[in-house]
PDB file of N, CA and C in Angstrom:
ATOM      1  N   UNK A   1       0.843  -1.175   0.000  1.00  0.00           N
ATOM      2  CA  UNK A   1       0.000   0.000   0.000  1.00  0.00           C
ATOM      3  C   UNK A   1       0.887   1.236   0.000  1.00  0.00           C
ATOM      4  N   UNK A   2       0.416   2.277  -0.645  1.00  0.00           N
ATOM      5  CA  UNK A   2       1.192   3.494  -0.735  1.00  0.00           C
ATOM      6  C   UNK A   2       1.155   4.310   0.538  1.00  0.00           C
ATOM      7  N   UNK A   3       1.973   5.332   0.542  1.00  0.00           N
ATOM      8  CA  UNK A   3       2.026   6.235   1.697  1.00  0.00           C
ATOM      9  C   UNK A   3       0.680   6.911   1.912  1.00  0.00           C
ATOM     10  N   UNK A   4       0.327   7.082   3.149  1.00  0.00           N
ATOM     11  CA  UNK A   4      -0.902   7.787   3.479  1.00  0.00           C
ATOM     12  C   UNK A   4      -2.169   6.964   3.343  1.00  0.00           C
ATOM     13  N   UNK A   5      -2.045   5.726   2.893  1.00  0.00           N
ATOM     14  CA  UNK A   5      -3.211   4.872   2.763  1.00  0.00           C
ATOM     15  C   UNK A   5      -3.392   4.115   4.075  1.00  0.00           C
ATOM     16  N   UNK A   6      -4.554   4.334   4.683  1.00  0.00           N
ATOM     17  CA  UNK A   6      -4.816   3.675   5.965  1.00  0.00           C
ATOM     18  C   UNK A   6      -5.144   2.200   5.732  1.00  0.00           C
ATOM     19  N   UNK A   7      -4.471   1.358   6.441  1.00  0.00           N
ATOM     20  CA  UNK A   7      -4.711  -0.074   6.314  1.00  0.00           C
ATOM     21  C   UNK A   7      -5.892  -0.464   7.181  1.00  0.00           C
ATOM     22  N   UNK A   8      -6.652  -1.442   6.730  1.00  0.00           N
ATOM     23  CA  UNK A   8      -7.815  -1.850   7.523  1.00  0.00           C
ATOM     24  C   UNK A   8      -7.406  -2.635   8.769  1.00  0.00           C
ATOM     25  N   UNK A   9      -8.276  -2.587   9.757  1.00  0.00           N
ATOM     26  CA  UNK A   9      -8.130  -3.457  10.914  1.00  0.00           C
ATOM     27  C   UNK A   9      -8.652  -4.821  10.511  1.00  0.00           C
ATOM     28  N   UNK A  10      -7.904  -5.865  10.823  1.00  0.00           N
ATOM     29  CA  UNK A  10      -8.325  -7.229  10.515  1.00  0.00           C
ATOM     30  C   UNK A  10      -8.795  -7.892  11.803  1.00  0.00           C
ATOM     31  N   UNK A  11     -10.062  -8.303  11.822  1.00  0.00           N
ATOM     32  CA  UNK A  11     -10.623  -9.017  12.967  1.00  0.00           C
ATOM     33  C   UNK A  11     -10.650 -10.503  12.617  1.00  0.00           C
ATOM     34  N   UNK A  12     -10.060 -11.328  13.463  1.00  0.00           N
ATOM     35  CA  UNK A  12      -9.925 -12.755  13.215  1.00  0.00           C
ATOM     36  C   UNK A  12     -10.856 -13.554  14.122  1.00  0.00           C
ATOM     37  N   UNK A  13     -11.594 -14.501  13.531  1.00  0.00           N
ATOM     38  CA  UNK A  13     -12.497 -15.379  14.275  1.00  0.00           C
ATOM     39  C   UNK A  13     -12.023 -16.814  14.111  1.00  0.00           C
ATOM     40  N   UNK A  14     -11.818 -17.498  15.224  1.00  0.00           N
ATOM     41  CA  UNK A  14     -11.243 -18.841  15.234  1.00  0.00           C
ATOM     42  C   UNK A  14     -12.286 -19.927  14.938  1.00  0.00           C
ATOM     43  N   UNK A  15     -11.788 -21.128  14.737  1.00  0.00           N
ATOM     44  CA  UNK A  15     -12.635 -22.306  14.518  1.00  0.00           C
ATOM     45  C   UNK A  15     -13.222 -22.789  15.846  1.00  0.00           C
ATOM     46  N   UNK A  16     -14.253 -23.604  15.753  1.00  0.00           N
ATOM     47  CA  UNK A  16     -14.884 -24.188  16.936  1.00  0.00           C
ATOM     48  C   UNK A  16     -13.834 -24.969  17.725  1.00  0.00           C
ATOM     49  N   UNK A  17     -13.773 -24.734  19.025  1.00  0.00           N
ATOM     50  CA  UNK A  17     -12.805 -25.411  19.877  1.00  0.00           C
ATOM     51  C   UNK A  17     -11.479 -24.687  19.998  1.00  0.00           C
ATOM     52  N   UNK A  18     -11.288 -23.620  19.228  1.00  0.00           N
ATOM     53  CA  UNK A  18     -10.045 -22.862  19.287  1.00  0.00           C
ATOM     54  C   UNK A  18     -10.181 -21.647  20.179  1.00  0.00           C
ATOM     55  N   UNK A  19      -9.323 -20.682  19.944  1.00  0.00           N
ATOM     56  CA  UNK A  19      -9.384 -19.406  20.657  1.00  0.00           C
ATOM     57  C   UNK A  19      -8.702 -18.360  19.786  1.00  0.00           C
ATOM     58  N   UNK A  20      -8.755 -17.126  20.230  1.00  0.00           N
ATOM     59  CA  UNK A  20      -8.091 -16.051  19.497  1.00  0.00           C
ATOM     60  C   UNK A  20      -6.605 -16.362  19.295  1.00  0.00           C
ATOM     61  N   UNK A  21      -6.013 -17.087  20.225  1.00  0.00           N
ATOM     62  CA  UNK A  21      -4.581 -17.437  20.133  1.00  0.00           C
ATOM     63  C   UNK A  21      -4.283 -18.343  18.937  1.00  0.00           C
ATOM     64  N   UNK A  22      -5.303 -18.966  18.387  1.00  0.00           N
ATOM     65  CA  UNK A  22      -5.120 -19.820  17.206  1.00  0.00           C
ATOM     66  C   UNK A  22      -4.526 -19.027  16.044  1.00  0.00           C
ATOM     67  N   UNK A  23      -4.681 -17.731  16.065  1.00  0.00           N
ATOM     68  CA  UNK A  23      -4.237 -16.873  14.972  1.00  0.00           C
ATOM     69  C   UNK A  23      -2.831 -16.291  15.194  1.00  0.00           C
ATOM     70  N   UNK A  24      -2.175 -16.604  16.288  1.00  0.00           N
ATOM     71  CA  UNK A  24      -0.890 -15.982  16.622  1.00  0.00           C
ATOM     72  C   UNK A  24       0.141 -16.080  15.498  1.00  0.00           C
ATOM     73  N   UNK A  25       0.295 -17.248  14.904  1.00  0.00           N
ATOM     74  CA  UNK A  25       1.314 -17.424  13.847  1.00  0.00           C
ATOM     75  C   UNK A  25       0.972 -16.623  12.597  1.00  0.00           C
ATOM     76  N   UNK A  26      -0.302 -16.550  12.260  1.00  0.00           N
ATOM     77  CA  UNK A  26      -0.731 -15.765  11.085  1.00  0.00           C
ATOM     78  C   UNK A  26      -0.495 -14.283  11.350  1.00  0.00           C
ATOM     79  N   UNK A  27      -0.925 -13.825  12.511  1.00  0.00           N
ATOM     80  CA  UNK A  27      -0.797 -12.410  12.860  1.00  0.00           C
ATOM     81  C   UNK A  27       0.666 -11.989  12.917  1.00  0.00           C
ATOM     82  N   UNK A  28       1.539 -12.885  13.340  1.00  0.00           N
ATOM     83  CA  UNK A  28       2.972 -12.578  13.401  1.00  0.00           C
ATOM     84  C   UNK A  28       3.526 -12.211  12.028  1.00  0.00           C
ATOM     85  N   UNK A  29       2.912 -12.723  10.969  1.00  0.00           N
ATOM     86  CA  UNK A  29       3.366 -12.437   9.607  1.00  0.00           C
ATOM     87  C   UNK A  29       2.682 -11.208   9.006  1.00  0.00           C
ATOM     88  N   UNK A  30       1.733 -10.646   9.718  1.00  0.00           N
ATOM     89  CA  UNK A  30       0.975  -9.502   9.210  1.00  0.00           C
ATOM     90  C   UNK A  30       1.252  -8.244  10.029  1.00  0.00           C
ATOM     91  N   UNK A  31       2.494  -8.069  10.427  1.00  0.00           N
ATOM     92  CA  UNK A  31       2.861  -6.984  11.316  1.00  0.00           C
ATOM     93  C   UNK A  31       2.465  -5.595  10.851  1.00  0.00           C
ATOM     94  N   UNK A  32       2.306  -5.396   9.547  1.00  0.00           N
ATOM     95  CA  UNK A  32       1.970  -4.073   9.038  1.00  0.00           C
ATOM     96  C   UNK A  32       0.492  -3.739   9.238  1.00  0.00           C
ATOM     97  N   UNK A  33      -0.301  -4.720   9.632  1.00  0.00           N
ATOM     98  CA  UNK A  33      -1.732  -4.513   9.809  1.00  0.00           C
ATOM     99  C   UNK A  33      -2.090  -4.444  11.288  1.00  0.00           C
ATOM    100  N   UNK A  34      -3.212  -3.806  11.572  1.00  0.00           N
ATOM    101  CA  UNK A  34      -3.769  -3.784  12.921  1.00  0.00           C
ATOM    102  C   UNK A  34      -4.630  -5.036  13.041  1.00  0.00           C
ATOM    103  N   UNK A  35      -4.121  -6.062  13.682  1.00  0.00           N
ATOM    104  CA  UNK A  35      -4.804  -7.356  13.782  1.00  0.00           C
ATOM    105  C   UNK A  35      -5.430  -7.526  15.155  1.00  0.00           C
ATOM    106  N   UNK A  36      -6.694  -7.912  15.168  1.00  0.00           N
ATOM    107  CA  UNK A  36      -7.430  -8.097  16.420  1.00  0.00           C
ATOM    108  C   UNK A  36      -8.107  -9.465  16.427  1.00  0.00           C
ATOM    109  N   UNK A  37      -7.491 -10.459  17.013  1.00  0.00           N
ATOM    110  CA  UNK A  37      -8.162 -11.757  17.120  1.00  0.00           C
ATOM    111  C   UNK A  37      -9.225 -11.684  18.219  1.00  0.00           C
ATOM    112  N   UNK A  38     -10.393 -12.234  17.945  1.00  0.00           N
ATOM    113  CA  UNK A  38     -11.499 -12.204  18.896  1.00  0.00           C
ATOM    114  C   UNK A  38     -11.865 -13.619  19.320  1.00  0.00           C
ATOM    115  N   UNK A  39     -12.253 -13.780  20.565  1.00  0.00           N
ATOM    116  CA  UNK A  39     -12.716 -15.080  21.056  1.00  0.00           C
ATOM    117  C   UNK A  39     -14.220 -15.185  20.892  1.00  0.00           C
ATOM    118  N   UNK A  40     -14.667 -16.312  20.356  1.00  0.00           N
ATOM    119  CA  UNK A  40     -16.101 -16.585  20.263  1.00  0.00           C
ATOM    120  C   UNK A  40     -16.621 -16.940  21.654  1.00  0.00           C
ATOM    121  N   UNK A  41     -17.911 -16.716  21.858  1.00  0.00           N
ATOM    122  CA  UNK A  41     -18.536 -17.044  23.149  1.00  0.00           C
ATOM    123  C   UNK A  41     -18.223 -18.479  23.554  1.00  0.00           C
ATOM    124  N   UNK A  42     -17.741 -18.624  24.796  1.00  0.00           N
ATOM    125  CA  UNK A  42     -17.456 -19.951  25.328  1.00  0.00           C
ATOM    126  C   UNK A  42     -16.027 -20.416  25.141  1.00  0.00           C
ATOM    127  N   UNK A  43     -15.180 -19.588  24.518  1.00  0.00           N
ATOM    128  CA  UNK A  43     -13.809 -19.995  24.219  1.00  0.00           C
ATOM    129  C   UNK A  43     -12.808 -18.925  24.641  1.00  0.00           C
ATOM    130  N   UNK A  44     -11.594 -19.360  24.962  1.00  0.00           N
ATOM    131  CA  UNK A  44     -10.520 -18.425  25.303  1.00  0.00           C
ATOM    132  C   UNK A  44     -10.923 -17.468  26.407  1.00  0.00           C
ATOM    133  N   UNK A  45     -10.647 -16.179  26.190  1.00  0.00           N
ATOM    134  CA  UNK A  45     -10.980 -15.163  27.189  1.00  0.00           C
ATOM    135  C   UNK A  45     -12.484 -14.942  27.326  1.00  0.00           C
ATOM    136  N   UNK A  46     -13.273 -15.496  26.416  1.00  0.00           N
ATOM    137  CA  UNK A  46     -14.738 -15.376  26.482  1.00  0.00           C
ATOM    138  C   UNK A  46     -15.369 -16.673  26.982  1.00  0.00           C
ATOM    139  N   UNK A  47     -14.594 -17.475  27.726  1.00  0.00           N
ATOM    140  CA  UNK A  47     -15.100 -18.777  28.171  1.00  0.00           C
ATOM    141  C   UNK A  47     -16.304 -18.656  29.099  1.00  0.00           C
ATOM    142  N   UNK A  48     -16.449 -17.524  29.773  1.00  0.00           N
ATOM    143  CA  UNK A  48     -17.599 -17.314  30.655  1.00  0.00           C
ATOM    144  C   UNK A  48     -18.795 -16.692  29.945  1.00  0.00           C
ATOM    145  N   UNK A  49     -18.624 -16.290  28.705  1.00  0.00           N
ATOM    146  CA  UNK A  49     -19.709 -15.635  27.970  1.00  0.00           C
ATOM    147  C   UNK A  49     -20.841 -16.613  27.689  1.00  0.00           C
ATOM    148  N   UNK A  50     -22.032 -16.082  27.601  1.00  0.00           N
ATOM    149  CA  UNK A  50     -23.195 -16.898  27.261  1.00  0.00           C
ATOM    150  C   UNK A  50     -23.637 -16.545  25.844  1.00  0.00           C
ATOM    151  N   UNK A  51     -24.581 -17.309  25.332  1.00  0.00           N
ATOM    152  CA  UNK A  51     -25.076 -17.065  23.987  1.00  0.00           C
ATOM    153  C   UNK A  51     -24.326 -17.907  22.982  1.00  0.00           C
ATOM    154  N   UNK A  52     -24.741 -19.152  22.834  1.00  0.00           N
ATOM    155  CA  UNK A  52     -23.970 -20.094  22.024  1.00  0.00           C
ATOM    156  C   UNK A  52     -24.562 -20.408  20.658  1.00  0.00           C
ATOM    157  N   UNK A  53     -25.664 -19.745  20.295  1.00  0.00           N
ATOM    158  CA  UNK A  53     -26.163 -19.947  18.933  1.00  0.00           C
ATOM    159  C   UNK A  53     -25.297 -19.134  17.983  1.00  0.00           C
ATOM    160  N   UNK A  54     -25.328 -19.482  16.717  1.00  0.00           N
ATOM    161  CA  UNK A  54     -24.559 -18.746  15.718  1.00  0.00           C
ATOM    162  C   UNK A  54     -24.978 -17.276  15.720  1.00  0.00           C
ATOM    163  N   UNK A  55     -26.271 -17.028  15.810  1.00  0.00           N
ATOM    164  CA  UNK A  55     -26.769 -15.656  15.791  1.00  0.00           C
ATOM    165  C   UNK A  55     -26.291 -14.869  17.010  1.00  0.00           C
ATOM    166  N   UNK A  56     -26.305 -15.500  18.186  1.00  0.00           N
ATOM    167  CA  UNK A  56     -25.843 -14.816  19.399  1.00  0.00           C
ATOM    168  C   UNK A  56     -24.348 -14.525  19.329  1.00  0.00           C
ATOM    169  N   UNK A  57     -23.587 -15.470  18.799  1.00  0.00           N
ATOM    170  CA  UNK A  57     -22.149 -15.228  18.642  1.00  0.00           C
ATOM    171  C   UNK A  57     -21.914 -14.095  17.642  1.00  0.00           C
ATOM    172  N   UNK A  58     -22.682 -14.074  16.563  1.00  0.00           N
ATOM    173  CA  UNK A  58     -22.553 -13.010  15.563  1.00  0.00           C
ATOM    174  C   UNK A  58     -22.881 -11.656  16.177  1.00  0.00           C
ATOM    175  N   UNK A  59     -23.901 -11.607  17.019  1.00  0.00           N
ATOM    176  CA  UNK A  59     -24.247 -10.352  17.701  1.00  0.00           C
ATOM    177  C   UNK A  59     -23.107  -9.883  18.603  1.00  0.00           C
ATOM    178  N   UNK A  60     -22.503 -10.810  19.334  1.00  0.00           N
ATOM    179  CA  UNK A  60     -21.383 -10.467  20.220  1.00  0.00           C
ATOM    180  C   UNK A  60     -20.210  -9.926  19.418  1.00  0.00           C
ATOM    181  N   UNK A  61     -19.885 -10.579  18.308  1.00  0.00           N
ATOM    182  CA  UNK A  61     -18.778 -10.131  17.459  1.00  0.00           C
ATOM    183  C   UNK A  61     -19.086  -8.745  16.898  1.00  0.00           C
ATOM    184  N   UNK A  62     -20.327  -8.528  16.457  1.00  0.00           N
ATOM    185  CA  UNK A  62     -20.717  -7.212  15.933  1.00  0.00           C
ATOM    186  C   UNK A  62     -20.523  -6.134  16.998  1.00  0.00           C
ATOM    187  N   UNK A  63     -20.898  -6.426  18.226  1.00  0.00           N
ATOM    188  CA  UNK A  63     -20.719  -5.467  19.332  1.00  0.00           C
ATOM    189  C   UNK A  63     -19.243  -5.175  19.570  1.00  0.00           C
ATOM    190  N   UNK A  64     -18.410  -6.218  19.530  1.00  0.00           N
ATOM    191  CA  UNK A  64     -16.976  -6.024  19.755  1.00  0.00           C
ATOM    192  C   UNK A  64     -16.353  -5.167  18.661  1.00  0.00           C
ATOM    193  N   UNK A  65     -16.758  -5.408  17.426  1.00  0.00           N
ATOM    194  CA  UNK A  65     -16.214  -4.629  16.305  1.00  0.00           C
ATOM    195  C   UNK A  65     -16.664  -3.172  16.410  1.00  0.00           C
ATOM    196  N   UNK A  66     -17.936  -2.954  16.706  1.00  0.00           N
ATOM    197  CA  UNK A  66     -18.434  -1.584  16.889  1.00  0.00           C
ATOM    198  C   UNK A  66     -17.645  -0.859  17.988  1.00  0.00           C
ATOM    199  N   UNK A  67     -17.363  -1.563  19.079  1.00  0.00           N
ATOM    200  CA  UNK A  67     -16.643  -0.971  20.208  1.00  0.00           C
ATOM    201  C   UNK A  67     -15.219  -0.556  19.829  1.00  0.00           C
ATOM    202  N   UNK A  68     -14.639  -1.205  18.832  1.00  0.00           N
ATOM    203  CA  UNK A  68     -13.270  -0.880  18.396  1.00  0.00           C
ATOM    204  C   UNK A  68     -13.220   0.418  17.589  1.00  0.00           C
ATOM    205  N   UNK A  69     -14.345   0.851  17.036  1.00  0.00           N
ATOM    206  CA  UNK A  69     -14.417   2.107  16.288  1.00  0.00           C
ATOM    207  C   UNK A  69     -13.462   2.162  15.102  1.00  0.00           C
ATOM    208  N   UNK A  70     -13.235   1.056  14.445  1.00  0.00           N
ATOM    209  CA  UNK A  70     -12.326   1.007  13.295  1.00  0.00           C
ATOM    210  C   UNK A  70     -13.002   1.636  12.076  1.00  0.00           C
ATOM    211  N   UNK A  71     -12.276   2.505  11.381  1.00  0.00           N
ATOM    212  CA  UNK A  71     -12.823   3.147  10.177  1.00  0.00           C
ATOM    213  C   UNK A  71     -12.925   2.167   9.012  1.00  0.00           C
ATOM    214  N   UNK A  72     -11.878   1.386   8.825  1.00  0.00           N
ATOM    215  CA  UNK A  72     -11.845   0.388   7.743  1.00  0.00           C
ATOM    216  C   UNK A  72     -11.481  -0.933   8.383  1.00  0.00           C
ATOM    217  N   UNK A  73     -12.234  -1.983   8.065  1.00  0.00           N
ATOM    218  CA  UNK A  73     -11.950  -3.260   8.692  1.00  0.00           C
ATOM    219  C   UNK A  73     -12.448  -4.408   7.828  1.00  0.00           C
ATOM    220  N   UNK A  74     -11.932  -5.588   8.151  1.00  0.00           N
ATOM    221  CA  UNK A  74     -12.347  -6.826   7.488  1.00  0.00           C
ATOM    222  C   UNK A  74     -12.443  -7.925   8.534  1.00  0.00           C
ATOM    223  N   UNK A  75     -13.331  -8.881   8.264  1.00  0.00           N
ATOM    224  CA  UNK A  75     -13.443 -10.075   9.103  1.00  0.00           C
ATOM    225  C   UNK A  75     -12.738 -11.222   8.408  1.00  0.00           C
ATOM    226  N   UNK A  76     -11.972 -11.978   9.164  1.00  0.00           N
ATOM    227  CA  UNK A  76     -11.302 -13.176   8.670  1.00  0.00           C
ATOM    228  C   UNK A  76     -11.740 -14.309   9.586  1.00  0.00           C
ATOM    229  N   UNK A  77     -12.324 -15.349   9.024  1.00  0.00           N
ATOM    230  CA  UNK A  77     -12.788 -16.444   9.857  1.00  0.00           C
ATOM    231  C   UNK A  77     -12.350 -17.796   9.317  1.00  0.00           C
ATOM    232  N   UNK A  78     -12.093 -18.716  10.238  1.00  0.00           N
ATOM    233  CA  UNK A  78     -11.745 -20.083   9.879  1.00  0.00           C
ATOM    234  C   UNK A  78     -12.842 -21.004  10.388  1.00  0.00           C
ATOM    235  N   UNK A  79     -13.379 -21.841   9.522  1.00  0.00           N
ATOM    236  CA  UNK A  79     -14.379 -22.832   9.879  1.00  0.00           C
ATOM    237  C   UNK A  79     -15.578 -22.155  10.546  1.00  0.00           C
ATOM    238  N   UNK A  80     -15.869 -22.474  11.802  1.00  0.00           N
ATOM    239  CA  UNK A  80     -17.006 -21.856  12.489  1.00  0.00           C
ATOM    240  C   UNK A  80     -16.858 -20.338  12.518  1.00  0.00           C
ATOM    241  N   UNK A  81     -15.635 -19.841  12.649  1.00  0.00           N
ATOM    242  CA  UNK A  81     -15.395 -18.397  12.620  1.00  0.00           C
ATOM    243  C   UNK A  81     -15.814 -17.784  11.293  1.00  0.00           C
ATOM    244  N   UNK A  82     -15.631 -18.530  10.198  1.00  0.00           N
ATOM    245  CA  UNK A  82     -16.081 -18.064   8.886  1.00  0.00           C
ATOM    246  C   UNK A  82     -17.589 -17.975   8.808  1.00  0.00           C
ATOM    247  N   UNK A  83     -18.257 -18.940   9.418  1.00  0.00           N
ATOM    248  CA  UNK A  83     -19.723 -18.919   9.446  1.00  0.00           C
ATOM    249  C   UNK A  83     -20.218 -17.721  10.252  1.00  0.00           C
ATOM    250  N   UNK A  84     -19.594 -17.477  11.397  1.00  0.00           N
ATOM    251  CA  UNK A  84     -19.965 -16.339  12.239  1.00  0.00           C
ATOM    252  C   UNK A  84     -19.716 -15.029  11.477  1.00  0.00           C
ATOM    253  N   UNK A  85     -18.595 -14.949  10.760  1.00  0.00           N
ATOM    254  CA  UNK A  85     -18.281 -13.753   9.975  1.00  0.00           C
ATOM    255  C   UNK A  85     -19.358 -13.502   8.922  1.00  0.00           C
ATOM    256  N   UNK A  86     -19.790 -14.555   8.247  1.00  0.00           N
ATOM    257  CA  UNK A  86     -20.819 -14.416   7.217  1.00  0.00           C
ATOM    258  C   UNK A  86     -22.134 -13.944   7.814  1.00  0.00           C
ATOM    259  N   UNK A  87     -22.540 -14.545   8.914  1.00  0.00           N
ATOM    260  CA  UNK A  87     -23.777 -14.155   9.582  1.00  0.00           C
ATOM    261  C   UNK A  87     -23.673 -12.712  10.088  1.00  0.00           C
ATOM    262  N   UNK A  88     -22.503 -12.349  10.628  1.00  0.00           N
ATOM    263  CA  UNK A  88     -22.300 -11.001  11.158  1.00  0.00           C
ATOM    264  C   UNK A  88     -22.478  -9.935  10.092  1.00  0.00           C
ATOM    265  N   UNK A  89     -22.128 -10.252   8.887  1.00  0.00           N
ATOM    266  CA  UNK A  89     -22.186  -9.276   7.798  1.00  0.00           C
ATOM    267  C   UNK A  89     -23.465  -9.357   6.976  1.00  0.00           C
ATOM    268  N   UNK A  90     -24.399 -10.189   7.363  1.00  0.00           N
ATOM    269  CA  UNK A  90     -25.636 -10.306   6.594  1.00  0.00           C
ATOM    270  C   UNK A  90     -26.378  -8.973   6.586  1.00  0.00           C
ATOM    271  N   UNK A  91     -27.130  -8.729   5.521  1.00  0.00           N
ATOM    272  CA  UNK A  91     -27.874  -7.472   5.396  1.00  0.00           C
ATOM    273  C   UNK A  91     -28.837  -7.275   6.557  1.00  0.00           C
ATOM    274  N   UNK A  92     -29.511  -8.321   6.978  1.00  0.00           N
ATOM    275  CA  UNK A  92     -30.487  -8.222   8.063  1.00  0.00           C
ATOM    276  C   UNK A  92     -29.816  -7.713   9.335  1.00  0.00           C
ATOM    277  N   UNK A  93     -28.703  -8.283   9.684  1.00  0.00           N
ATOM    278  CA  UNK A  93     -28.007  -7.915  10.913  1.00  0.00           C
ATOM    279  C   UNK A  93     -27.424  -6.508  10.791  1.00  0.00           C
ATOM    280  N   UNK A  94     -26.830  -6.181   9.665  1.00  0.00           N
ATOM    281  CA  UNK A  94     -26.225  -4.858   9.478  1.00  0.00           C
ATOM    282  C   UNK A  94     -27.293  -3.777   9.511  1.00  0.00           C
ATOM    283  N   UNK A  95     -28.402  -4.005   8.822  1.00  0.00           N
ATOM    284  CA  UNK A  95     -29.470  -2.993   8.782  1.00  0.00           C
ATOM    285  C   UNK A  95     -30.111  -2.782  10.144  1.00  0.00           C
ATOM    286  N   UNK A  96     -30.134  -3.816  10.976  1.00  0.00           N
ATOM    287  CA  UNK A  96     -30.754  -3.717  12.286  1.00  0.00           C
ATOM    288  C   UNK A  96     -29.804  -3.195  13.352  1.00  0.00           C
ATOM    289  N   UNK A  97     -28.566  -2.911  12.969  1.00  0.00           N
ATOM    290  CA  UNK A  97     -27.563  -2.510  13.959  1.00  0.00           C
ATOM    291  C   UNK A  97     -27.033  -1.120  13.643  1.00  0.00           C
ATOM    292  N   UNK A  98     -27.558  -0.074  14.314  1.00  0.00           N
ATOM    293  CA  UNK A  98     -27.044   1.271  14.083  1.00  0.00           C
ATOM    294  C   UNK A  98     -25.546   1.334  14.340  1.00  0.00           C
ATOM    295  N   UNK A  99     -24.842   2.034  13.476  1.00  0.00           N
ATOM    296  CA  UNK A  99     -23.414   2.194  13.651  1.00  0.00           C
ATOM    297  C   UNK A  99     -22.582   1.072  13.066  1.00  0.00           C
ATOM    298  N   UNK A 100     -23.233   0.014  12.588  1.00  0.00           N
ATOM    299  CA  UNK A 100     -22.505  -1.097  11.981  1.00  0.00           C
ATOM    300  C   UNK A 100     -22.037  -0.653  10.605  1.00  0.00           C
ATOM    301  N   UNK A 101     -20.737  -0.642  10.358  1.00  0.00           N
ATOM    302  CA  UNK A 101     -20.233  -0.162   9.063  1.00  0.00           C
ATOM    303  C   UNK A 101     -20.818  -0.951   7.905  1.00  0.00           C
ATOM    304  N   UNK A 102     -21.075  -0.272   6.828  1.00  0.00           N
ATOM    305  CA  UNK A 102     -21.634  -0.900   5.619  1.00  0.00           C
ATOM    306  C   UNK A 102     -20.574  -1.652   4.853  1.00  0.00           C
TER     307      UNK A 102
END
């Protein structure tokens, strides 16, 4: 990317049974980016969180991303994390969530 071009924040969602730490090796190679691995409900640092349906996890991820206030961002998901990313970005969820980036 050229000078003055703001790089997006990359939010990483792990596979079922993993945690945000699952992304450590990938993130280590992406040092030029602002990388934010997130734990899905019930895993890693969110092991005490409730709401285990795909929709509830997607809502939690949407809230976490909104709280980060990132101007430009992307979701990266592996396996179950990919499913959560897809649900999180659905038109229904985005339209129903004020402040959710388009």
